[in-house]
Amino acid sequence: KEIYNKKEWENHLLNLHTSDVYSSWIWGEYKQRVGWGIYRLSVWDKEQNSLMACFQLQKKIKFKLFTILVIQGGIHLKTLSLNKHHQVLESIMNKYVTGKNNVIIFINQQSASSQNIDTGLLMCKFSPILNSKSYTYILDSNNNSLKGDALSKNWRHNLKRALNNSKLTYHSVLKLEERKRAFGDLEVFYTNLRGRKKFKTAIDFTLSKDLIIENNDFRIIEARLENQVIAIRIGFFSKDYVLDFLAASDELAKKTYANYLLLYKLIELTHSEGKSYFDCGGINPSENMGVFNFKKGLGGRLNINGPIWLNASSPIIKKAVRLLFSFTN
């Protein structure tokens, strides 16, 4: 069943075991703006007349020939079980892929994967695709890392420096006008950072800024040196975990360890609100060793952020796509 009403979709997500930014209504709006067709779909058990799952399907036609389907946030279930997941996957394949012409489907559960999810995908003949960018660090209750107990000696030392700096303060940005101002500051920091380090933007600021500013699931926090904003961080708070979504700062932040303060505060909020885990938002040590070491010092566990699972309407197309992906890092 396709859902067209925002409130109805959000209510469905609340009734599921998990959720994430990529299954949110807001993310669907953003992807529409960058050219994807969006279908917000709920799956129902006909016999029980009960909700089984939800997923947000992205669709695009490539070269006027191939239909590309993406479930970026994965499939979120009412009841976590291999049988339920397998049933939902089979229904998706039967409706959108099997028997169709030139259809390619990708599913990425992000950091919320599990043995049942992976087994269900394998049973439905999906193939995993991994590359060097498919990893992140996860903080959870297994080693008390959400409490800060697993911080490295260097991380703890730098955090203490930030906390002991009376001129450095932390603020949650709540009011709409302040959120607009804060996002504008983040844009400036991010642009300057890109100029220094030459990397691609993770998200189109022009097309996403109003969506992020107006949605309180995106928590905006900032560090000020006296009255000057020097660092901003945005975390997305879903039902069961928090994603370190976006961050940028100026040179003063480096000198005052402001980013240590903000990230620690975001993790504190994760723990105080009873979330299951904190996703550090990906790592890439081959291209950015500094950020890698910064996140590594939190003491989290290395986790596959995915993988991307692939299937297609024919074995030949599936093999060709896998070959293309083999050329990526």
Protein backbone atom coordinates (compact mmCIF):
# COMPACT_ATOMS: atom_id res chain seq x y z
CA LYS A 1 0.00 0.00 0.00
CA GLU A 2 1.43 3.35 -1.04
CA ILE A 3 1.21 6.09 1.58
CA TYR A 4 0.56 9.67 0.45
CA ASN A 5 -0.02 11.36 3.80
CA LYS A 6 2.97 12.50 5.88
CA LYS A 7 1.29 11.96 9.24
CA GLU A 8 0.15 8.46 8.27
CA TRP A 9 3.69 7.57 7.17
CA GLU A 10 5.22 8.89 10.38
CA ASN A 11 2.69 6.94 12.47
CA HIS A 12 3.59 3.75 10.61
CA LEU A 13 7.30 4.32 11.29
CA LEU A 14 6.57 4.77 15.00
CA ASN A 15 4.94 1.32 15.05
CA LEU A 16 8.02 -0.39 13.61
CA HIS A 17 10.95 -1.83 15.49
CA THR A 18 13.51 0.43 13.77
CA SER A 19 13.72 3.52 11.57
CA ASP A 20 16.36 5.82 10.11
CA VAL A 21 16.82 9.11 8.28
CA TYR A 22 16.63 7.36 4.89
CA SER A 23 13.13 6.03 5.56
CA SER A 24 11.88 9.41 6.80
CA TRP A 25 9.37 11.52 4.90
CA ILE A 26 11.90 14.37 4.85
CA TRP A 27 14.55 12.27 3.11
CA GLY A 28 12.00 11.26 0.48
CA GLU A 29 11.30 14.95 -0.17
CA TYR A 30 15.01 15.63 -0.56
CA LYS A 31 15.52 12.74 -3.00
CA GLN A 32 12.57 13.95 -5.07
CA ARG A 33 14.31 17.31 -5.39
CA VAL A 34 17.45 15.65 -6.75
CA GLY A 35 15.50 13.74 -9.38
CA TRP A 36 14.24 10.46 -7.92
CA GLY A 37 10.68 9.18 -7.94
CA ILE A 38 9.65 8.35 -4.37
CA TYR A 39 7.18 5.68 -3.26
CA ARG A 40 6.47 5.31 0.45
CA LEU A 41 5.22 1.77 0.86
CA SER A 42 3.72 -0.20 3.71
CA VAL A 43 3.42 -3.99 3.64
CA TRP A 44 0.39 -5.65 5.24
CA ASP A 45 -0.44 -9.16 6.34
CA LYS A 46 -3.75 -9.84 4.54
CA GLU A 47 -4.89 -12.56 6.93
CA GLN A 48 -4.15 -10.59 10.09
CA ASN A 49 -4.87 -7.17 8.51
CA SER A 50 -1.78 -5.88 10.31
CA LEU A 51 1.26 -3.82 9.37
CA MET A 52 4.35 -5.95 8.63
CA ALA A 53 6.88 -3.44 7.32
CA CYS A 54 7.60 -0.11 5.65
CA PHE A 55 10.21 0.96 3.13
CA GLN A 56 10.83 4.00 0.95
CA LEU A 57 11.44 3.08 -2.66
CA GLN A 58 13.45 5.39 -4.92
CA LYS A 59 13.07 5.01 -8.68
CA LYS A 60 14.92 6.44 -11.67
CA ILE A 61 15.13 5.57 -15.38
CA LYS A 62 18.70 5.48 -16.74
CA PHE A 63 19.60 5.80 -20.44
CA LYS A 64 15.87 5.38 -21.25
CA LEU A 65 16.47 1.67 -20.81
CA PHE A 66 17.15 0.60 -17.20
CA THR A 67 14.83 1.02 -14.23
CA ILE A 68 16.90 1.63 -11.09
CA LEU A 69 15.19 0.91 -7.75
CA VAL A 70 16.85 1.85 -4.45
CA ILE A 71 15.73 1.13 -0.89
CA GLN A 72 18.36 3.32 0.73
CA GLY A 73 17.27 2.95 4.33
CA GLY A 74 16.46 -0.70 4.03
CA ILE A 75 13.27 -2.46 5.08
CA HIS A 76 11.92 -1.75 8.57
CA LEU A 77 9.84 -4.47 10.20
CA LYS A 78 7.11 -4.53 12.80
CA THR A 79 8.49 -7.83 14.11
CA LEU A 80 12.15 -8.71 13.70
CA SER A 81 12.33 -12.20 12.20
CA LEU A 82 13.94 -13.97 9.27
CA ASN A 83 10.58 -15.31 8.08
CA LYS A 84 8.91 -11.86 8.02
CA HIS A 85 11.87 -10.25 6.29
CA HIS A 86 12.01 -13.00 3.67
CA GLN A 87 8.26 -12.66 2.99
CA VAL A 88 8.56 -8.89 2.49
CA LEU A 89 11.56 -9.30 0.19
CA GLU A 90 9.73 -11.89 -1.91
CA SER A 91 6.73 -9.57 -2.25
CA ILE A 92 9.01 -6.71 -3.38
CA MET A 93 10.73 -8.90 -5.98
CA ASN A 94 7.42 -10.26 -7.31
CA LYS A 95 5.85 -6.81 -7.62
CA TYR A 96 8.74 -4.71 -8.95
CA VAL A 97 11.49 -6.92 -10.38
CA THR A 98 10.71 -10.52 -11.37
CA GLY A 99 9.35 -10.81 -14.90
CA LYS A 100 10.06 -7.14 -15.69
CA ASN A 101 12.50 -5.80 -18.27
CA ASN A 102 15.87 -4.31 -17.32
CA VAL A 103 15.21 -3.68 -13.63
CA ILE A 104 18.07 -3.27 -11.15
CA ILE A 105 17.36 -3.07 -7.40
CA PHE A 106 19.69 -1.99 -4.59
CA ILE A 107 18.95 -2.34 -0.86
CA ASN A 108 21.13 -0.83 1.85
CA GLN A 109 20.25 -1.39 5.50
CA GLN A 110 23.03 1.05 6.49
CA SER A 111 24.41 0.25 9.96
CA ALA A 112 21.18 -1.49 11.06
CA SER A 113 21.91 -4.82 9.41
CA SER A 114 21.63 -8.15 11.26
CA GLN A 115 22.04 -11.87 10.65
CA ASN A 116 18.31 -12.28 9.93
CA ILE A 117 18.33 -9.39 7.45
CA ASP A 118 21.43 -10.64 5.65
CA THR A 119 20.13 -14.22 5.54
CA GLY A 120 16.80 -13.06 4.12
CA LEU A 121 18.57 -11.14 1.35
CA LEU A 122 20.73 -14.16 0.50
CA MET A 123 17.62 -16.38 0.38
CA CYS A 124 16.12 -14.00 -2.19
CA LYS A 125 19.28 -14.17 -4.32
CA PHE A 126 20.55 -10.69 -3.50
CA SER A 127 24.35 -10.30 -3.73
CA PRO A 128 26.37 -8.07 -1.39
CA ILE A 129 28.62 -5.30 -2.72
CA LEU A 130 31.34 -3.87 -0.50
CA ASN A 131 34.01 -1.23 -1.01
CA SER A 132 36.44 0.72 1.15
CA LYS A 133 33.76 3.31 1.98
CA SER A 134 31.32 0.73 3.40
CA TYR A 135 32.43 1.04 7.02
CA THR A 136 31.61 3.08 10.09
CA TYR A 137 32.16 3.07 13.84
CA ILE A 138 29.26 2.19 16.13
CA LEU A 139 28.96 3.11 19.80
CA ASP A 140 26.55 1.03 21.88
CA SER A 141 26.03 -0.39 25.34
CA ASN A 142 28.15 -3.51 24.72
CA ASN A 143 31.33 -1.84 25.98
CA ASN A 144 29.69 1.19 27.62
CA SER A 145 30.99 3.38 24.80
CA LEU A 146 27.75 5.43 24.88
CA LYS A 147 28.73 6.39 28.44
CA GLY A 148 32.15 7.54 27.30
CA ASP A 149 33.93 4.67 29.05
CA ALA A 150 35.78 3.57 25.90
CA LEU A 151 37.37 6.91 24.99
CA SER A 152 41.06 6.74 24.14
CA LYS A 153 43.54 8.52 26.39
CA ASN A 154 44.14 11.21 23.77
CA TRP A 155 40.41 11.72 23.13
CA ARG A 156 39.72 12.01 26.87
CA HIS A 157 42.58 14.51 27.25
CA ASN A 158 41.35 16.73 24.41
CA LEU A 159 37.77 16.59 25.65
CA LYS A 160 38.95 17.69 29.08
CA ARG A 161 40.72 20.64 27.47
CA ALA A 162 37.46 21.67 25.80
CA LEU A 163 35.37 21.22 28.96
CA ASN A 164 37.85 23.21 31.05
CA ASN A 165 37.86 26.17 28.66
CA SER A 166 35.52 28.68 30.33
CA LYS A 167 35.27 30.68 27.10
CA LEU A 168 34.02 27.65 25.13
CA THR A 169 30.31 26.81 25.48
CA TYR A 170 27.87 24.30 24.01
CA HIS A 171 24.33 25.18 22.85
CA SER A 172 21.36 23.29 21.42
CA VAL A 173 19.79 25.34 18.63
CA LEU A 174 16.00 25.10 18.96
CA LYS A 175 14.15 28.16 17.67
CA LEU A 176 13.44 28.30 13.94
CA GLU A 177 15.21 31.60 13.29
CA GLU A 178 18.25 30.42 15.23
CA ARG A 179 18.28 27.14 13.28
CA LYS A 180 18.28 29.14 10.03
CA ARG A 181 21.20 31.23 11.26
CA ALA A 182 23.10 28.15 12.48
CA PHE A 183 22.66 26.32 9.18
CA GLY A 184 23.96 29.40 7.37
CA ASP A 185 27.06 29.32 9.59
CA LEU A 186 27.50 25.62 8.85
CA GLU A 187 27.32 26.31 5.10
CA VAL A 188 30.13 28.86 5.40
CA PHE A 189 32.30 26.48 7.46
CA TYR A 190 31.62 23.61 5.05
CA THR A 191 32.45 25.68 1.96
CA ASN A 192 35.74 26.81 3.49
CA LEU A 193 36.52 23.23 4.53
CA ARG A 194 35.90 21.95 1.00
CA GLY A 195 38.20 24.65 -0.34
CA ARG A 196 41.00 23.43 1.93
CA LYS A 197 40.51 19.66 1.64
CA LYS A 198 38.95 19.25 -1.85
CA PHE A 199 36.17 16.71 -1.23
CA LYS A 200 32.69 16.19 -2.65
CA THR A 201 29.69 17.40 -0.68
CA ALA A 202 27.70 14.64 1.01
CA ILE A 203 24.41 16.47 0.47
CA ASP A 204 23.12 19.37 -1.65
CA PHE A 205 22.74 22.21 0.85
CA THR A 206 20.53 24.32 -1.39
CA LEU A 207 17.98 21.53 -1.84
CA SER A 208 18.09 20.24 1.74
CA LYS A 209 18.49 23.25 4.03
CA ASP A 210 14.79 24.03 4.61
CA LEU A 211 14.01 20.35 5.22
CA ILE A 212 16.75 20.03 7.85
CA ILE A 213 16.02 23.38 9.50
CA GLU A 214 12.30 22.69 9.89
CA ASN A 215 12.57 19.09 11.14
CA ASN A 216 13.43 18.71 14.81
CA ASP A 217 14.62 15.12 14.32
CA PHE A 218 17.73 16.87 13.03
CA ARG A 219 19.30 18.16 16.25
CA ILE A 220 21.54 21.16 15.65
CA ILE A 221 24.19 21.87 18.28
CA GLU A 222 26.93 24.49 18.19
CA ALA A 223 30.06 25.52 20.04
CA ARG A 224 30.80 29.17 20.75
CA LEU A 225 34.08 30.75 21.75
CA GLU A 226 32.77 33.60 23.86
CA ASN A 227 30.04 34.90 21.49
CA GLN A 228 31.50 33.56 18.24
CA VAL A 229 30.14 30.34 16.70
CA ILE A 230 33.12 28.19 15.73
CA ALA A 231 31.63 24.69 15.18
CA ILE A 232 28.27 23.13 14.33
CA ARG A 233 27.15 19.49 14.35
CA ILE A 234 23.85 17.93 13.24
CA GLY A 235 22.65 14.53 14.40
CA PHE A 236 19.55 12.73 13.15
CA PHE A 237 17.56 11.08 15.96
CA SER A 238 15.53 8.10 14.74
CA LYS A 239 13.51 5.65 16.80
CA ASP A 240 16.39 3.43 17.88
CA TYR A 241 19.66 5.20 17.11
CA VAL A 242 21.40 8.48 16.28
CA LEU A 243 23.36 9.22 13.10
CA ASP A 244 26.17 11.78 13.10
CA PHE A 245 24.76 13.42 9.99
CA LEU A 246 26.70 16.60 9.22
CA ALA A 247 29.41 18.75 10.81
CA ALA A 248 31.68 21.67 9.98
CA SER A 249 33.85 24.15 11.86
CA ASP A 250 36.44 26.90 11.47
CA GLU A 251 40.11 26.99 12.44
CA LEU A 252 39.35 28.20 15.98
CA ALA A 253 37.51 24.93 16.62
CA LYS A 254 40.70 22.99 15.99
CA LYS A 255 42.65 25.09 18.45
CA THR A 256 39.99 24.82 21.19
CA TYR A 257 38.96 21.17 20.61
CA ALA A 258 35.37 22.32 20.04
CA ASN A 259 34.57 19.32 17.84
CA TYR A 260 35.42 16.99 20.72
CA LEU A 261 32.91 18.87 22.86
CA LEU A 262 30.11 18.74 20.27
CA LEU A 263 30.51 15.09 19.35
CA TYR A 264 30.65 14.10 23.01
CA LYS A 265 27.46 16.09 23.72
CA LEU A 266 25.70 14.36 20.81
CA ILE A 267 26.69 10.97 22.22
CA GLU A 268 25.52 12.04 25.68
CA LEU A 269 22.09 12.89 24.21
CA THR A 270 22.00 9.47 22.52
CA HIS A 271 22.57 7.74 25.84
CA SER A 272 20.24 9.96 27.91
CA GLU A 273 17.35 9.40 25.45
CA GLY A 274 17.74 5.62 25.61
CA LYS A 275 18.78 5.02 22.00
CA SER A 276 20.34 1.67 21.12
CA TYR A 277 23.46 2.98 19.42
CA PHE A 278 25.29 5.91 17.81
CA ASP A 279 26.49 5.72 14.20
CA CYS A 280 29.58 7.85 13.57
CA GLY A 281 28.54 8.47 9.97
CA GLY A 282 31.17 6.50 8.08
CA ILE A 283 34.96 6.39 7.89
CA ASN A 284 37.44 6.59 5.04
CA PRO A 285 41.01 6.31 6.36
CA SER A 286 42.52 6.18 2.87
CA GLU A 287 41.24 9.70 2.08
CA ASN A 288 40.83 11.39 5.46
CA MET A 289 43.05 9.95 8.18
CA GLY A 290 42.40 12.87 10.53
CA VAL A 291 38.64 12.27 10.69
CA PHE A 292 39.25 8.52 10.93
CA ASN A 293 41.51 8.92 13.98
CA PHE A 294 39.03 11.37 15.54
CA LYS A 295 36.19 8.82 15.29
CA LYS A 296 38.38 5.86 16.20
CA GLY A 297 39.23 7.51 19.52
CA LEU A 298 35.61 7.15 20.64
CA GLY A 299 36.22 3.44 21.21
CA GLY A 300 33.39 2.14 19.05
CA ARG A 301 33.33 -1.09 17.09
CA LEU A 302 34.06 -1.23 13.38
CA ASN A 303 30.82 -1.99 11.54
CA ILE A 304 29.86 -2.57 7.91
CA ASN A 305 27.69 0.33 6.80
CA GLY A 306 25.69 -1.83 4.46
CA PRO A 307 26.64 -3.69 2.35
CA ILE A 308 24.71 -2.62 -0.72
CA TRP A 309 22.64 -5.62 -1.77
CA LEU A 310 22.04 -6.10 -5.49
CA ASN A 311 19.45 -7.99 -7.52
CA ALA A 312 18.04 -7.63 -11.03
CA SER A 313 15.38 -8.88 -13.39
CA SER A 314 17.91 -11.08 -15.21
CA PRO A 315 21.15 -12.85 -14.20
CA ILE A 316 23.04 -11.17 -17.06
CA ILE A 317 22.16 -7.65 -15.86
CA LYS A 318 23.04 -8.61 -12.30
CA LYS A 319 26.47 -9.92 -13.35
CA ALA A 320 27.13 -6.82 -15.47
CA VAL A 321 26.31 -4.48 -12.57
CA ARG A 322 28.51 -6.47 -10.19
CA LEU A 323 31.35 -6.19 -12.72
CA LEU A 324 30.91 -2.41 -12.91
CA PHE A 325 31.02 -2.14 -9.11
CA SER A 326 34.20 -4.22 -9.01
CA PHE A 327 36.04 -1.27 -10.55
CA THR A 328 35.16 1.03 -7.63
CA ASN A 329 37.30 1.34 -4.50
